[in-house]
Amino acid sequence: MLRSRFSGKSRGASGGGGKVDVVNPYSLKKIGEVAMNPWDVVDGYLDQAQALHRNRNAWLPAHKRIDILARAAGIMEDNADALAHQIANEGGKPLQDAIVEVTRAIDGIGLCAHGIAEIKGEEIPMDLTAAGAGRIAFSQREPIGPVVALSAFNHPLNLIVHQVGPAVAAGCPVLVKPSADTPLSCQTLVNIFHQAGLPEEWCRFVLNDRVGAEQMATDPRTHFFSFIGSAKVGWMLRSKLAPGTRCALEHGGLAPVIVAEDADFSEMIPSLLKGGMYHSGQVCVSVQRVYAPRKMAPAIAEQLAHGAARLVVGDAVSAKTECGPLIRPREVDRVEEWVNEAKAGGAKVVTGGERLGETTYAPTILLDPPADARVSTLEIFGPVICIYSVDSLDEAIAKSNDLPFAFQAAVFTKNLDIAMDASRRLDATAVMINDHTAFRVDWMPFAGRKQSGHGVGGIGHTMHEMTQDKMRVIKLGKV
C-alpha cells in the first residue's frame, strides 16, 4: 500500500451537511452516505477514551470482553450474506472473495476472544544474585490506553477486525476511521459491537478529513496508533506522534517471486494468477514481480496470460465476477499510465494492457518491463503481473531485494536446498514456498520491513502490542 489511500472527503463528499457519498466503484452509483464528524465531536470521544482508561474501576473485566466478542461473532454469522454484499458493493471486491472475507472476519473475532486468555505475564526469578534475594516478582499485561485506528479500503471489514477487535480484547478504548471510500462495513461492525453489549464510549466510529484524522492520530490522548495505508502518509504521521505514543504501520510492498528451474507449472501458474489478480491486485502483498530463468520466462508469461485473459471482469456484486473494478477511476488512469510507460520502454504485453472502461482495467501480464519503470519500482495496486528474465538465482535474489520495500515473498521449487537458500537470502518478513505471496492466515505475524511497515500485525501480535507490562516486586519479611 505504497500510494496514498488516506482520504477524507471521498469522490463523493457532498458539501451540504458534511456527508460523504458512498458509491459502487464499478457503476459509480450512490449506495449510501455517511456523516462526517466535526472535531468537537472527536475531541469529546478522545476525552471519554482517556477518562475510561484512567478510571481503572471502569475497565471491562476479561469475562465481559469475551462475552461481547462471542456475541459479536454470532451477530456477524447471522448477517454474513449482507456483510459480504456490502463489501462487494462499496469496495469492489468480487462477491466470491467478499464471502471469504466475512468468514475470516468472524474467525478473527473468535481469535480475539480466545486470545484474552493469553494476556498474561510471568514470574521473574529474583535470587539469581544476592542483590535480589528475599524477593519475588511477577509481571502482568495491562491495556496500553486509547487506540486510534486509521484503515484502508481493500478489506473493509477484516482490516477493521484486525485493528478494533484486538483493542476490544485488550481492554483499550478505540476510535476507528475507515477509508472514506468504504465506510459502511466499518460502521456496521462498530454497530455490531454495540449491539453485542460493548458500551458505545469504548468503540467509536469516526469519519473525518485528512486534517481531522491527522489531528486525532497525533493527539497526546492517543496512546496507540494503528495505521493501514500509504507508506508516505504512515511514516509522516509517525514522525508527528505525541511523545510516548506507540504505533503499528502496515504499508505494502512489491512482492517478489523466485521461480527455480524445477518449479511445477501445474501448481505454480494458478497460484500466481490468484495471488496477482485477487481483488484486481489491490492487496499489499499481491504478486507483482516474478523472476524466472531466461529460458522459462516466456512460457510462464504465456501460461499466466492464458488464465488472465479468461478472468471475468465486472461488477463485484455479481457472483460471476472474478476481477472487480479499481477503487476509483483515477486509479485506472494511473495503472494505464504506468503500463503504457512500461510498453514504451520495451515491455511485451502478453495479455491485457488496456483499460476496459472508466472503472476497470484488463488483467495484464507484462514480460521484461524496464528495471526503472514504475511497474518495477512502485506498488502497482492493480491487476498487473510482471515477469522478468534472469540468468541465475543470485541475480533473482539481488533484484528482489533491490528496493526500499520488503514484505512477503515466494519461491517455487521442489528442491529443499534451493528453497532454504533463497528464503534465507530474501529480504522479507515471510517467504512462501510453493505458494503465492498473498497467502495469509489471521493469527500469523504479518509485517513489513524497511519502508513497508513498523510493528507486527496478526490478531494475537496486535493484542500484545496494545498491552504493556507492569511488574510487581515484593520484598519478603523473615519467615
Protein backbone atom coordinates (compact mmCIF):
# COMPACT_ATOMS: atom_id res chain seq x y z
CA MET A 1 0.00 0.00 0.00
CA LEU A 2 2.61 2.50 -1.05
CA ARG A 3 0.47 5.18 -2.63
CA SER A 4 -1.84 7.39 -0.66
CA ARG A 5 -5.22 5.89 0.07
CA PHE A 6 -5.60 8.07 3.16
CA SER A 7 -8.52 10.24 2.26
CA GLY A 8 -11.11 12.36 3.88
CA LYS A 9 -13.79 13.52 1.53
CA SER A 10 -14.12 10.72 -0.98
CA ARG A 11 -15.26 11.16 -4.61
CA GLY A 12 -18.43 11.93 -3.22
CA ALA A 13 -18.25 14.16 -0.32
CA SER A 14 -21.26 16.38 -0.59
CA GLY A 15 -20.90 19.92 0.59
CA GLY A 16 -24.23 20.08 2.42
CA GLY A 17 -24.43 18.56 5.87
CA GLY A 18 -20.83 17.34 5.93
CA LYS A 19 -21.63 13.96 4.44
CA VAL A 20 -19.70 11.54 2.26
CA ASP A 21 -21.45 9.82 -0.62
CA VAL A 22 -20.53 6.14 -0.87
CA VAL A 23 -20.65 4.74 -4.40
CA ASN A 24 -20.34 1.36 -6.07
CA PRO A 25 -16.85 1.61 -7.62
CA TYR A 26 -17.95 -0.22 -10.79
CA SER A 27 -21.14 1.68 -11.66
CA LEU A 28 -20.26 4.80 -9.65
CA LYS A 29 -23.87 4.86 -8.47
CA LYS A 30 -24.53 6.12 -4.96
CA ILE A 31 -25.29 3.33 -2.49
CA GLY A 32 -25.28 5.30 0.75
CA GLU A 33 -23.96 8.25 2.69
CA VAL A 34 -22.16 8.74 5.97
CA ALA A 35 -21.96 11.87 8.10
CA MET A 36 -18.58 13.43 8.77
CA ASN A 37 -17.54 14.02 12.38
CA PRO A 38 -16.52 17.57 13.28
CA TRP A 39 -13.52 17.98 15.55
CA ASP A 40 -15.53 18.93 18.61
CA VAL A 41 -17.24 15.50 18.48
CA VAL A 42 -13.95 13.65 18.01
CA ASP A 43 -12.41 15.73 20.78
CA GLY A 44 -15.19 14.56 23.08
CA TYR A 45 -14.60 10.95 22.06
CA LEU A 46 -10.92 11.27 22.94
CA ASP A 47 -11.80 12.80 26.31
CA GLN A 48 -14.12 9.87 27.02
CA ALA A 49 -11.47 7.35 25.95
CA GLN A 50 -8.85 8.96 28.17
CA ALA A 51 -11.24 9.05 31.13
CA LEU A 52 -12.16 5.39 30.66
CA HIS A 53 -8.52 4.35 30.66
CA ARG A 54 -7.66 6.45 33.68
CA ASN A 55 -10.57 5.09 35.73
CA ARG A 56 -9.35 1.57 36.36
CA ASN A 57 -12.58 0.70 38.09
CA ALA A 58 -14.30 1.21 34.73
CA TRP A 59 -12.15 -1.32 32.88
CA LEU A 60 -14.15 -4.16 31.40
CA PRO A 61 -13.24 -7.49 33.02
CA ALA A 62 -11.99 -10.29 30.80
CA HIS A 63 -15.17 -12.37 31.00
CA LYS A 64 -17.28 -9.44 29.77
CA ARG A 65 -14.94 -8.80 26.86
CA ILE A 66 -15.07 -12.50 25.95
CA ASP A 67 -18.89 -12.46 26.06
CA ILE A 68 -19.09 -9.30 23.93
CA LEU A 69 -16.76 -10.71 21.29
CA ALA A 70 -18.63 -14.02 21.20
CA ARG A 71 -21.96 -12.24 20.74
CA ALA A 72 -20.47 -10.03 18.03
CA ALA A 73 -19.25 -13.10 16.13
CA GLY A 74 -22.72 -14.61 16.40
CA ILE A 75 -24.38 -11.47 15.02
CA MET A 76 -21.91 -11.46 12.13
CA GLU A 77 -22.69 -15.09 11.36
CA ASP A 78 -26.41 -14.29 11.28
CA ASN A 79 -25.77 -11.45 8.83
CA ALA A 80 -22.94 -12.97 6.78
CA ASP A 81 -24.65 -12.63 3.39
CA ALA A 82 -25.48 -8.97 3.94
CA LEU A 83 -21.94 -8.24 5.13
CA ALA A 84 -20.45 -9.88 2.03
CA HIS A 85 -22.76 -7.95 -0.29
CA GLN A 86 -21.83 -4.71 1.47
CA ILE A 87 -18.11 -5.42 1.00
CA ALA A 88 -18.61 -6.11 -2.71
CA ASN A 89 -20.92 -3.16 -3.22
CA GLU A 90 -18.79 -0.47 -1.60
CA GLY A 91 -15.29 -1.87 -2.11
CA GLY A 92 -15.43 -3.65 -5.47
CA LYS A 93 -14.14 -6.96 -4.10
CA PRO A 94 -15.78 -9.83 -6.04
CA LEU A 95 -18.63 -11.36 -4.08
CA GLN A 96 -16.96 -14.79 -4.03
CA ASP A 97 -13.94 -13.22 -2.29
CA ALA A 98 -16.10 -10.99 -0.08
CA ILE A 99 -17.77 -14.12 1.30
CA VAL A 100 -14.32 -15.42 2.27
CA GLU A 101 -13.50 -12.07 3.90
CA VAL A 102 -16.61 -12.28 6.08
CA THR A 103 -15.67 -15.79 7.19
CA ARG A 104 -12.18 -14.60 8.08
CA ALA A 105 -13.58 -11.61 9.96
CA ILE A 106 -15.86 -13.84 12.05
CA ASP A 107 -12.97 -16.17 12.80
CA GLY A 108 -10.84 -13.12 13.66
CA ILE A 109 -13.34 -12.03 16.31
CA GLY A 110 -13.12 -15.56 17.70
CA LEU A 111 -9.33 -15.31 17.78
CA CYS A 112 -9.63 -12.09 19.76
CA ALA A 113 -11.90 -13.76 22.30
CA HIS A 114 -9.60 -16.78 22.68
CA GLY A 115 -6.55 -14.54 22.83
CA ILE A 116 -7.73 -12.85 26.01
CA ALA A 117 -6.56 -15.93 27.91
CA GLU A 118 -3.06 -15.26 26.58
CA ILE A 119 -2.88 -11.75 28.02
CA LYS A 120 -0.69 -12.71 30.93
CA GLY A 121 2.65 -12.03 32.49
CA GLU A 122 5.35 -14.21 34.00
CA GLU A 123 7.34 -14.83 37.14
CA ILE A 124 10.77 -13.18 37.15
CA PRO A 125 13.39 -15.01 39.26
CA MET A 126 14.96 -12.57 41.70
CA ASP A 127 17.57 -14.56 43.63
CA LEU A 128 19.93 -15.07 40.70
CA THR A 129 22.31 -12.84 42.64
CA ALA A 130 22.49 -11.89 46.28
CA ALA A 131 21.15 -8.43 45.44
CA GLY A 132 17.75 -9.84 44.54
CA ALA A 133 17.47 -12.42 47.28
CA GLY A 134 14.46 -12.29 49.56
CA ARG A 135 12.15 -11.01 46.85
CA ILE A 136 9.56 -12.42 44.46
CA ALA A 137 8.46 -10.69 41.29
CA PHE A 138 5.88 -11.18 38.59
CA SER A 139 4.53 -9.19 35.68
CA GLN A 140 1.03 -8.59 34.30
CA ARG A 141 -0.15 -7.17 31.00
CA GLU A 142 -2.32 -4.04 31.10
CA PRO A 143 -4.16 -2.20 28.29
CA ILE A 144 -1.94 0.44 26.76
CA GLY A 145 -4.69 3.06 26.60
CA PRO A 146 -6.80 4.79 23.93
CA VAL A 147 -6.26 3.44 20.43
CA VAL A 148 -6.76 5.40 17.21
CA ALA A 149 -7.01 3.25 14.09
CA LEU A 150 -6.93 4.54 10.51
CA SER A 151 -7.74 1.89 7.93
CA ALA A 152 -7.72 1.18 4.19
CA PHE A 153 -10.37 0.28 1.63
CA ASN A 154 -9.25 -3.08 0.29
CA HIS A 155 -10.51 -5.32 3.12
CA PRO A 156 -13.19 -3.03 4.56
CA LEU A 157 -14.42 -5.49 7.18
CA ASN A 158 -11.45 -7.71 8.03
CA LEU A 159 -8.95 -4.88 8.39
CA ILE A 160 -11.26 -3.24 10.90
CA VAL A 161 -11.50 -6.55 12.75
CA HIS A 162 -7.68 -6.66 12.90
CA GLN A 163 -7.49 -3.15 14.36
CA VAL A 164 -10.61 -2.86 16.52
CA GLY A 165 -11.01 -6.48 17.65
CA PRO A 166 -7.63 -6.63 19.43
CA ALA A 167 -8.30 -3.26 21.08
CA VAL A 168 -11.61 -4.52 22.48
CA ALA A 169 -9.96 -7.77 23.56
CA ALA A 170 -7.06 -5.96 25.24
CA GLY A 171 -9.41 -3.58 27.07
CA CYS A 172 -8.48 -0.43 25.18
CA PRO A 173 -11.00 2.26 24.19
CA VAL A 174 -10.75 2.68 20.40
CA LEU A 175 -11.62 5.27 17.76
CA VAL A 176 -11.61 3.91 14.23
CA LYS A 177 -11.58 5.85 10.96
CA PRO A 178 -12.10 3.75 7.82
CA SER A 179 -11.28 4.75 4.28
CA ALA A 180 -13.82 7.29 3.09
CA ASP A 181 -14.33 5.03 0.06
CA THR A 182 -15.56 2.12 2.21
CA PRO A 183 -17.02 3.41 5.49
CA LEU A 184 -20.19 1.28 5.53
CA SER A 185 -18.58 -2.03 6.55
CA CYS A 186 -16.70 -0.34 9.38
CA GLN A 187 -19.80 1.46 10.59
CA THR A 188 -21.73 -1.81 10.52
CA LEU A 189 -19.05 -3.62 12.55
CA VAL A 190 -18.92 -0.89 15.18
CA ASN A 191 -22.70 -1.06 15.48
CA ILE A 192 -22.46 -4.85 15.86
CA PHE A 193 -20.04 -4.41 18.77
CA HIS A 194 -22.52 -2.03 20.42
CA GLN A 195 -25.38 -4.43 19.76
CA ALA A 196 -23.27 -7.18 21.35
CA GLY A 197 -23.07 -5.20 24.57
CA LEU A 198 -19.93 -3.07 24.23
CA PRO A 199 -20.68 0.39 25.65
CA GLU A 200 -20.51 2.98 22.88
CA GLU A 201 -17.77 5.00 24.54
CA TRP A 202 -15.42 2.00 24.25
CA CYS A 203 -15.59 1.91 20.43
CA ARG A 204 -16.30 4.96 18.28
CA PHE A 205 -16.76 5.18 14.51
CA VAL A 206 -15.18 8.34 13.12
CA LEU A 207 -15.19 9.74 9.59
CA ASN A 208 -13.30 12.96 9.04
CA ASP A 209 -11.00 14.60 6.54
CA ARG A 210 -7.22 14.36 6.28
CA VAL A 211 -6.62 17.21 8.69
CA GLY A 212 -9.01 15.82 11.29
CA ALA A 213 -7.59 12.30 11.00
CA GLU A 214 -4.05 13.61 11.48
CA GLN A 215 -5.14 15.64 14.49
CA MET A 216 -6.79 12.55 16.00
CA ALA A 217 -3.74 10.33 15.40
CA THR A 218 -1.20 12.80 16.78
CA ASP A 219 -3.23 13.90 19.80
CA PRO A 220 -1.43 13.24 23.11
CA ARG A 221 -4.52 11.38 24.38
CA THR A 222 -3.81 8.71 21.76
CA HIS A 223 -1.65 6.02 23.37
CA PHE A 224 -1.52 3.61 20.41
CA PHE A 225 -1.82 4.47 16.72
CA SER A 226 -2.72 1.76 14.20
CA PHE A 227 -2.38 2.68 10.53
CA ILE A 228 -3.00 0.68 7.35
CA GLY A 229 -2.37 2.55 4.12
CA SER A 230 0.16 4.62 2.25
CA ALA A 231 3.80 4.44 3.33
CA LYS A 232 4.22 8.13 2.60
CA VAL A 233 1.36 9.06 4.91
CA GLY A 234 2.13 6.43 7.54
CA TRP A 235 5.72 7.49 8.08
CA MET A 236 4.70 11.16 8.04
CA LEU A 237 2.13 10.55 10.76
CA ARG A 238 4.61 8.53 12.82
CA SER A 239 7.00 11.50 12.75
CA LYS A 240 4.27 13.67 14.26
CA LEU A 241 3.03 11.35 17.01
CA ALA A 242 2.91 12.76 20.52
CA PRO A 243 5.80 11.68 22.75
CA GLY A 244 5.05 8.26 24.21
CA THR A 245 2.52 7.18 21.59
CA ARG A 246 3.27 3.67 20.31
CA CYS A 247 2.29 2.67 16.79
CA ALA A 248 1.93 -0.04 14.19
CA LEU A 249 2.19 0.81 10.48
CA GLU A 250 1.18 -1.58 7.71
CA HIS A 251 2.00 -0.36 4.22
CA GLY A 252 2.81 -2.53 1.25
CA GLY A 253 5.49 -3.96 -0.97
CA LEU A 254 6.33 -5.14 -4.45
CA ALA A 255 6.06 -8.83 -3.66
CA PRO A 256 8.82 -10.77 -5.45
CA VAL A 257 8.51 -14.37 -6.60
CA ILE A 258 11.54 -16.50 -7.49
CA VAL A 259 10.99 -19.39 -9.88
CA ALA A 260 13.56 -22.19 -9.95
CA GLU A 261 14.12 -24.41 -12.98
CA ASP A 262 12.36 -27.36 -11.30
CA ALA A 263 9.17 -25.44 -10.43
CA ASP A 264 5.93 -27.34 -11.01
CA PHE A 265 3.97 -25.26 -13.55
CA SER A 266 0.69 -27.05 -12.83
CA GLU A 267 0.77 -25.81 -9.24
CA MET A 268 2.56 -22.53 -9.78
CA ILE A 269 0.53 -20.89 -12.57
CA PRO A 270 -2.89 -21.00 -10.82
CA SER A 271 -1.25 -19.86 -7.58
CA LEU A 272 0.50 -16.88 -9.17
CA LEU A 273 -2.64 -15.91 -11.05
CA LYS A 274 -4.71 -15.92 -7.87
CA GLY A 275 -2.02 -14.07 -5.91
CA GLY A 276 -1.71 -11.36 -8.54
CA MET A 277 -5.31 -10.88 -9.64
CA TYR A 278 -7.12 -11.32 -6.31
CA HIS A 279 -9.16 -8.14 -5.75
CA SER A 280 -7.68 -6.89 -9.05
CA GLY A 281 -4.25 -6.71 -7.43
CA GLN A 282 -5.38 -4.28 -4.72
CA VAL A 283 -3.61 -6.21 -1.96
CA CYS A 284 -0.47 -5.10 -0.12
CA VAL A 285 1.31 -8.43 -0.74
CA SER A 286 -0.10 -9.09 -4.22
CA VAL A 287 2.16 -10.97 -6.66
CA GLN A 288 3.89 -8.25 -8.68
CA ARG A 289 7.43 -9.26 -9.68
CA VAL A 290 8.16 -12.79 -10.91
CA TYR A 291 11.84 -13.64 -11.59
CA ALA A 292 12.29 -16.72 -13.76
CA PRO A 293 15.14 -18.39 -15.68
CA ARG A 294 15.50 -16.72 -19.07
CA LYS A 295 14.54 -19.83 -21.00
CA MET A 296 11.38 -20.29 -18.90
CA ALA A 297 10.12 -16.72 -18.56
CA PRO A 298 8.22 -16.52 -21.90
CA ALA A 299 6.37 -19.78 -21.21
CA ILE A 300 5.42 -18.61 -17.72
CA ALA A 301 4.16 -15.33 -19.14
CA GLU A 302 2.12 -17.11 -21.82
CA GLN A 303 0.51 -19.51 -19.36
CA LEU A 304 -0.34 -16.70 -16.96
CA ALA A 305 -1.74 -14.70 -19.86
CA HIS A 306 -3.93 -17.61 -20.89
CA GLY A 307 -5.50 -17.67 -17.44
CA ALA A 308 -5.68 -13.88 -17.04
CA ALA A 309 -7.47 -13.40 -20.36
CA ARG A 310 -10.25 -15.74 -19.21
CA LEU A 311 -10.99 -13.93 -15.96
CA VAL A 312 -14.44 -12.37 -15.77
CA VAL A 313 -14.19 -8.62 -15.14
CA GLY A 314 -17.26 -6.75 -13.94
CA ASP A 315 -19.39 -5.52 -11.08
CA ALA A 316 -18.24 -7.15 -7.86
CA VAL A 317 -21.77 -7.84 -6.66
CA SER A 318 -22.20 -10.41 -9.46
CA ALA A 319 -21.40 -13.97 -8.40
CA LYS A 320 -19.69 -14.49 -11.79
CA THR A 321 -17.17 -11.67 -11.41
CA GLU A 322 -13.56 -12.70 -10.73
CA CYS A 323 -11.91 -9.27 -11.10
CA GLY A 324 -13.81 -6.22 -9.98
CA PRO A 325 -13.19 -2.51 -10.53
CA LEU A 326 -10.34 -0.49 -9.13
CA ILE A 327 -11.44 1.58 -6.17
CA ARG A 328 -11.54 4.87 -8.09
CA PRO A 329 -11.44 5.89 -11.76
CA ARG A 330 -8.21 7.80 -11.17
CA GLU A 331 -6.57 4.52 -10.14
CA VAL A 332 -7.48 3.10 -13.57
CA ASP A 333 -5.88 6.20 -15.11
CA ARG A 334 -2.73 5.62 -13.07
CA VAL A 335 -2.40 1.91 -13.91
CA GLU A 336 -2.94 2.72 -17.59
CA GLU A 337 -0.21 5.36 -17.42
CA TRP A 338 2.26 3.02 -15.72
CA VAL A 339 1.66 0.16 -18.15
CA ASN A 340 1.94 2.49 -21.16
CA GLU A 341 5.26 3.71 -19.75
CA ALA A 342 6.50 0.12 -19.44
CA LYS A 343 5.35 -0.65 -23.00
CA ALA A 344 7.19 2.38 -24.33
CA GLY A 345 10.30 1.15 -22.51
CA GLY A 346 10.21 -2.24 -24.22
CA ALA A 347 7.94 -4.42 -22.08
CA LYS A 348 5.99 -7.03 -24.01
CA VAL A 349 2.26 -7.03 -23.28
CA VAL A 350 1.36 -10.72 -23.31
CA THR A 351 -2.28 -10.01 -22.48
CA GLY A 352 -4.32 -7.03 -21.34
CA GLY A 353 -2.50 -3.74 -21.26
CA GLU A 354 -5.63 -1.63 -21.70
CA ARG A 355 -8.50 -0.16 -19.76
CA LEU A 356 -11.88 -1.77 -20.20
CA GLY A 357 -13.86 1.25 -19.13
CA GLU A 358 -13.90 4.13 -16.71
CA THR A 359 -13.60 1.87 -13.66
CA THR A 360 -11.91 -1.35 -14.82
CA TYR A 361 -8.54 -2.40 -16.22
CA ALA A 362 -7.85 -5.62 -18.08
CA PRO A 363 -5.89 -8.32 -16.21
CA THR A 364 -2.41 -7.76 -17.60
CA ILE A 365 0.78 -9.79 -17.95
CA LEU A 366 3.99 -7.95 -18.86
CA LEU A 367 7.22 -9.63 -19.92
CA ASP A 368 10.52 -7.93 -19.10
CA PRO A 369 9.49 -4.37 -18.20
CA PRO A 370 12.40 -1.95 -17.76
CA ALA A 371 14.02 -2.15 -14.35
CA ASP A 372 13.43 1.58 -13.78
CA ALA A 373 9.77 1.63 -14.87
CA ARG A 374 7.21 2.40 -12.21
CA VAL A 375 5.69 -1.08 -12.56
CA SER A 376 9.09 -2.37 -11.45
CA THR A 377 9.83 0.08 -8.65
CA LEU A 378 6.48 1.03 -7.10
CA GLU A 379 3.50 -0.94 -5.87
CA ILE A 380 1.09 -1.34 -8.79
CA PHE A 381 -2.05 -2.00 -6.75
CA GLY A 382 -3.78 -3.09 -9.91
CA PRO A 383 -4.30 -6.26 -11.99
CA VAL A 384 -0.77 -6.41 -13.40
CA ILE A 385 1.88 -9.15 -13.03
CA CYS A 386 5.41 -8.56 -14.35
CA ILE A 387 7.68 -11.43 -15.44
CA TYR A 388 11.44 -10.80 -15.54
CA SER A 389 14.07 -12.97 -17.24
CA VAL A 390 17.15 -13.67 -15.12
CA ASP A 391 20.29 -15.73 -15.64
CA SER A 392 20.82 -17.04 -12.11
CA LEU A 393 19.30 -17.45 -8.68
CA ASP A 394 21.78 -14.89 -7.38
CA GLU A 395 20.50 -12.32 -9.88
CA ALA A 396 16.90 -13.06 -8.95
CA ILE A 397 17.59 -12.58 -5.25
CA ALA A 398 19.60 -9.40 -5.82
CA LYS A 399 16.79 -7.85 -7.88
CA SER A 400 14.16 -9.00 -5.40
CA ASN A 401 16.00 -7.21 -2.58
CA ASP A 402 16.95 -4.09 -4.53
CA LEU A 403 14.11 -1.83 -3.36
CA PRO A 404 13.39 0.09 -0.13
CA PHE A 405 10.29 -2.04 0.46
CA ALA A 406 10.11 -5.57 1.84
CA PHE A 407 7.08 -7.57 2.93
CA GLN A 408 6.17 -11.10 1.80
CA ALA A 409 7.95 -13.07 -0.93
CA ALA A 410 7.74 -16.51 -2.53
CA VAL A 411 9.91 -19.25 -4.01
CA PHE A 412 8.71 -22.02 -6.32
CA THR A 413 10.95 -25.09 -6.34
CA LYS A 414 10.91 -28.79 -5.47
CA ASN A 415 14.50 -28.61 -4.24
CA LEU A 416 14.74 -28.16 -0.48
CA ASP A 417 18.25 -26.74 -0.67
CA ILE A 418 17.16 -24.06 -3.15
CA ALA A 419 14.07 -23.27 -1.09
CA MET A 420 16.04 -22.83 2.12
CA ASP A 421 18.87 -20.88 0.49
CA ALA A 422 16.55 -18.49 -1.34
CA SER A 423 14.29 -17.93 1.65
CA ARG A 424 17.34 -17.24 3.84
CA ARG A 425 18.67 -14.60 1.46
CA LEU A 426 15.41 -12.90 0.56
CA ASP A 427 14.77 -9.68 2.47
CA ALA A 428 11.21 -10.39 3.60
CA THR A 429 9.24 -10.92 6.77
CA ALA A 430 7.67 -14.10 5.37
CA VAL A 431 8.67 -16.34 2.47
CA MET A 432 6.10 -18.71 0.98
CA ILE A 433 7.47 -21.91 -0.50
CA ASN A 434 5.39 -23.11 -3.47
CA ASP A 435 2.61 -20.65 -2.68
CA HIS A 436 1.81 -17.10 -3.74
CA THR A 437 2.94 -14.03 -1.83
CA ALA A 438 -0.58 -13.02 -0.76
CA PHE A 439 -1.11 -16.07 1.45
CA ARG A 440 -2.12 -15.20 4.99
CA VAL A 441 -3.97 -16.60 7.96
CA ASP A 442 -5.12 -14.14 10.57
CA TRP A 443 -3.11 -15.46 13.53
CA MET A 444 0.29 -15.41 11.82
CA PRO A 445 2.66 -12.44 12.26
CA PHE A 446 2.16 -10.00 9.40
CA ALA A 447 4.52 -7.09 8.96
CA GLY A 448 6.63 -5.10 6.55
CA ARG A 449 10.35 -4.40 6.70
CA LYS A 450 12.19 -1.24 5.70
CA GLN A 451 9.64 1.27 4.33
CA SER A 452 6.88 -1.36 4.22
CA GLY A 453 5.87 -1.03 7.84
CA HIS A 454 6.58 -0.89 11.55
CA GLY A 455 5.43 -3.25 14.28
CA VAL A 456 3.79 -6.66 13.85
CA GLY A 457 0.20 -7.37 12.84
CA GLY A 458 -1.86 -10.51 13.20
CA ILE A 459 -4.59 -10.82 15.84
CA GLY A 460 -2.50 -12.12 18.75
CA HIS A 461 0.52 -9.98 17.92
CA THR A 462 -1.61 -6.84 17.74
CA MET A 463 -3.20 -7.66 21.09
CA HIS A 464 0.29 -7.94 22.59
CA GLU A 465 1.29 -4.55 21.15
CA MET A 466 -1.88 -2.99 22.62
CA THR A 467 -0.91 -4.11 26.12
CA GLN A 468 2.11 -3.31 28.29
CA ASP A 469 3.96 -4.94 31.15
CA LYS A 470 3.68 -3.99 34.77
CA MET A 471 5.98 -5.78 37.23
CA ARG A 472 5.45 -6.16 40.95
CA VAL A 473 8.44 -6.83 43.21
CA ILE A 474 7.65 -7.99 46.73
CA LYS A 475 10.30 -7.87 49.43
CA LEU A 476 9.62 -10.70 51.83
CA GLY A 477 9.96 -10.44 55.54
CA LYS A 478 11.81 -13.02 57.53
CA VAL A 479 9.94 -16.31 57.51
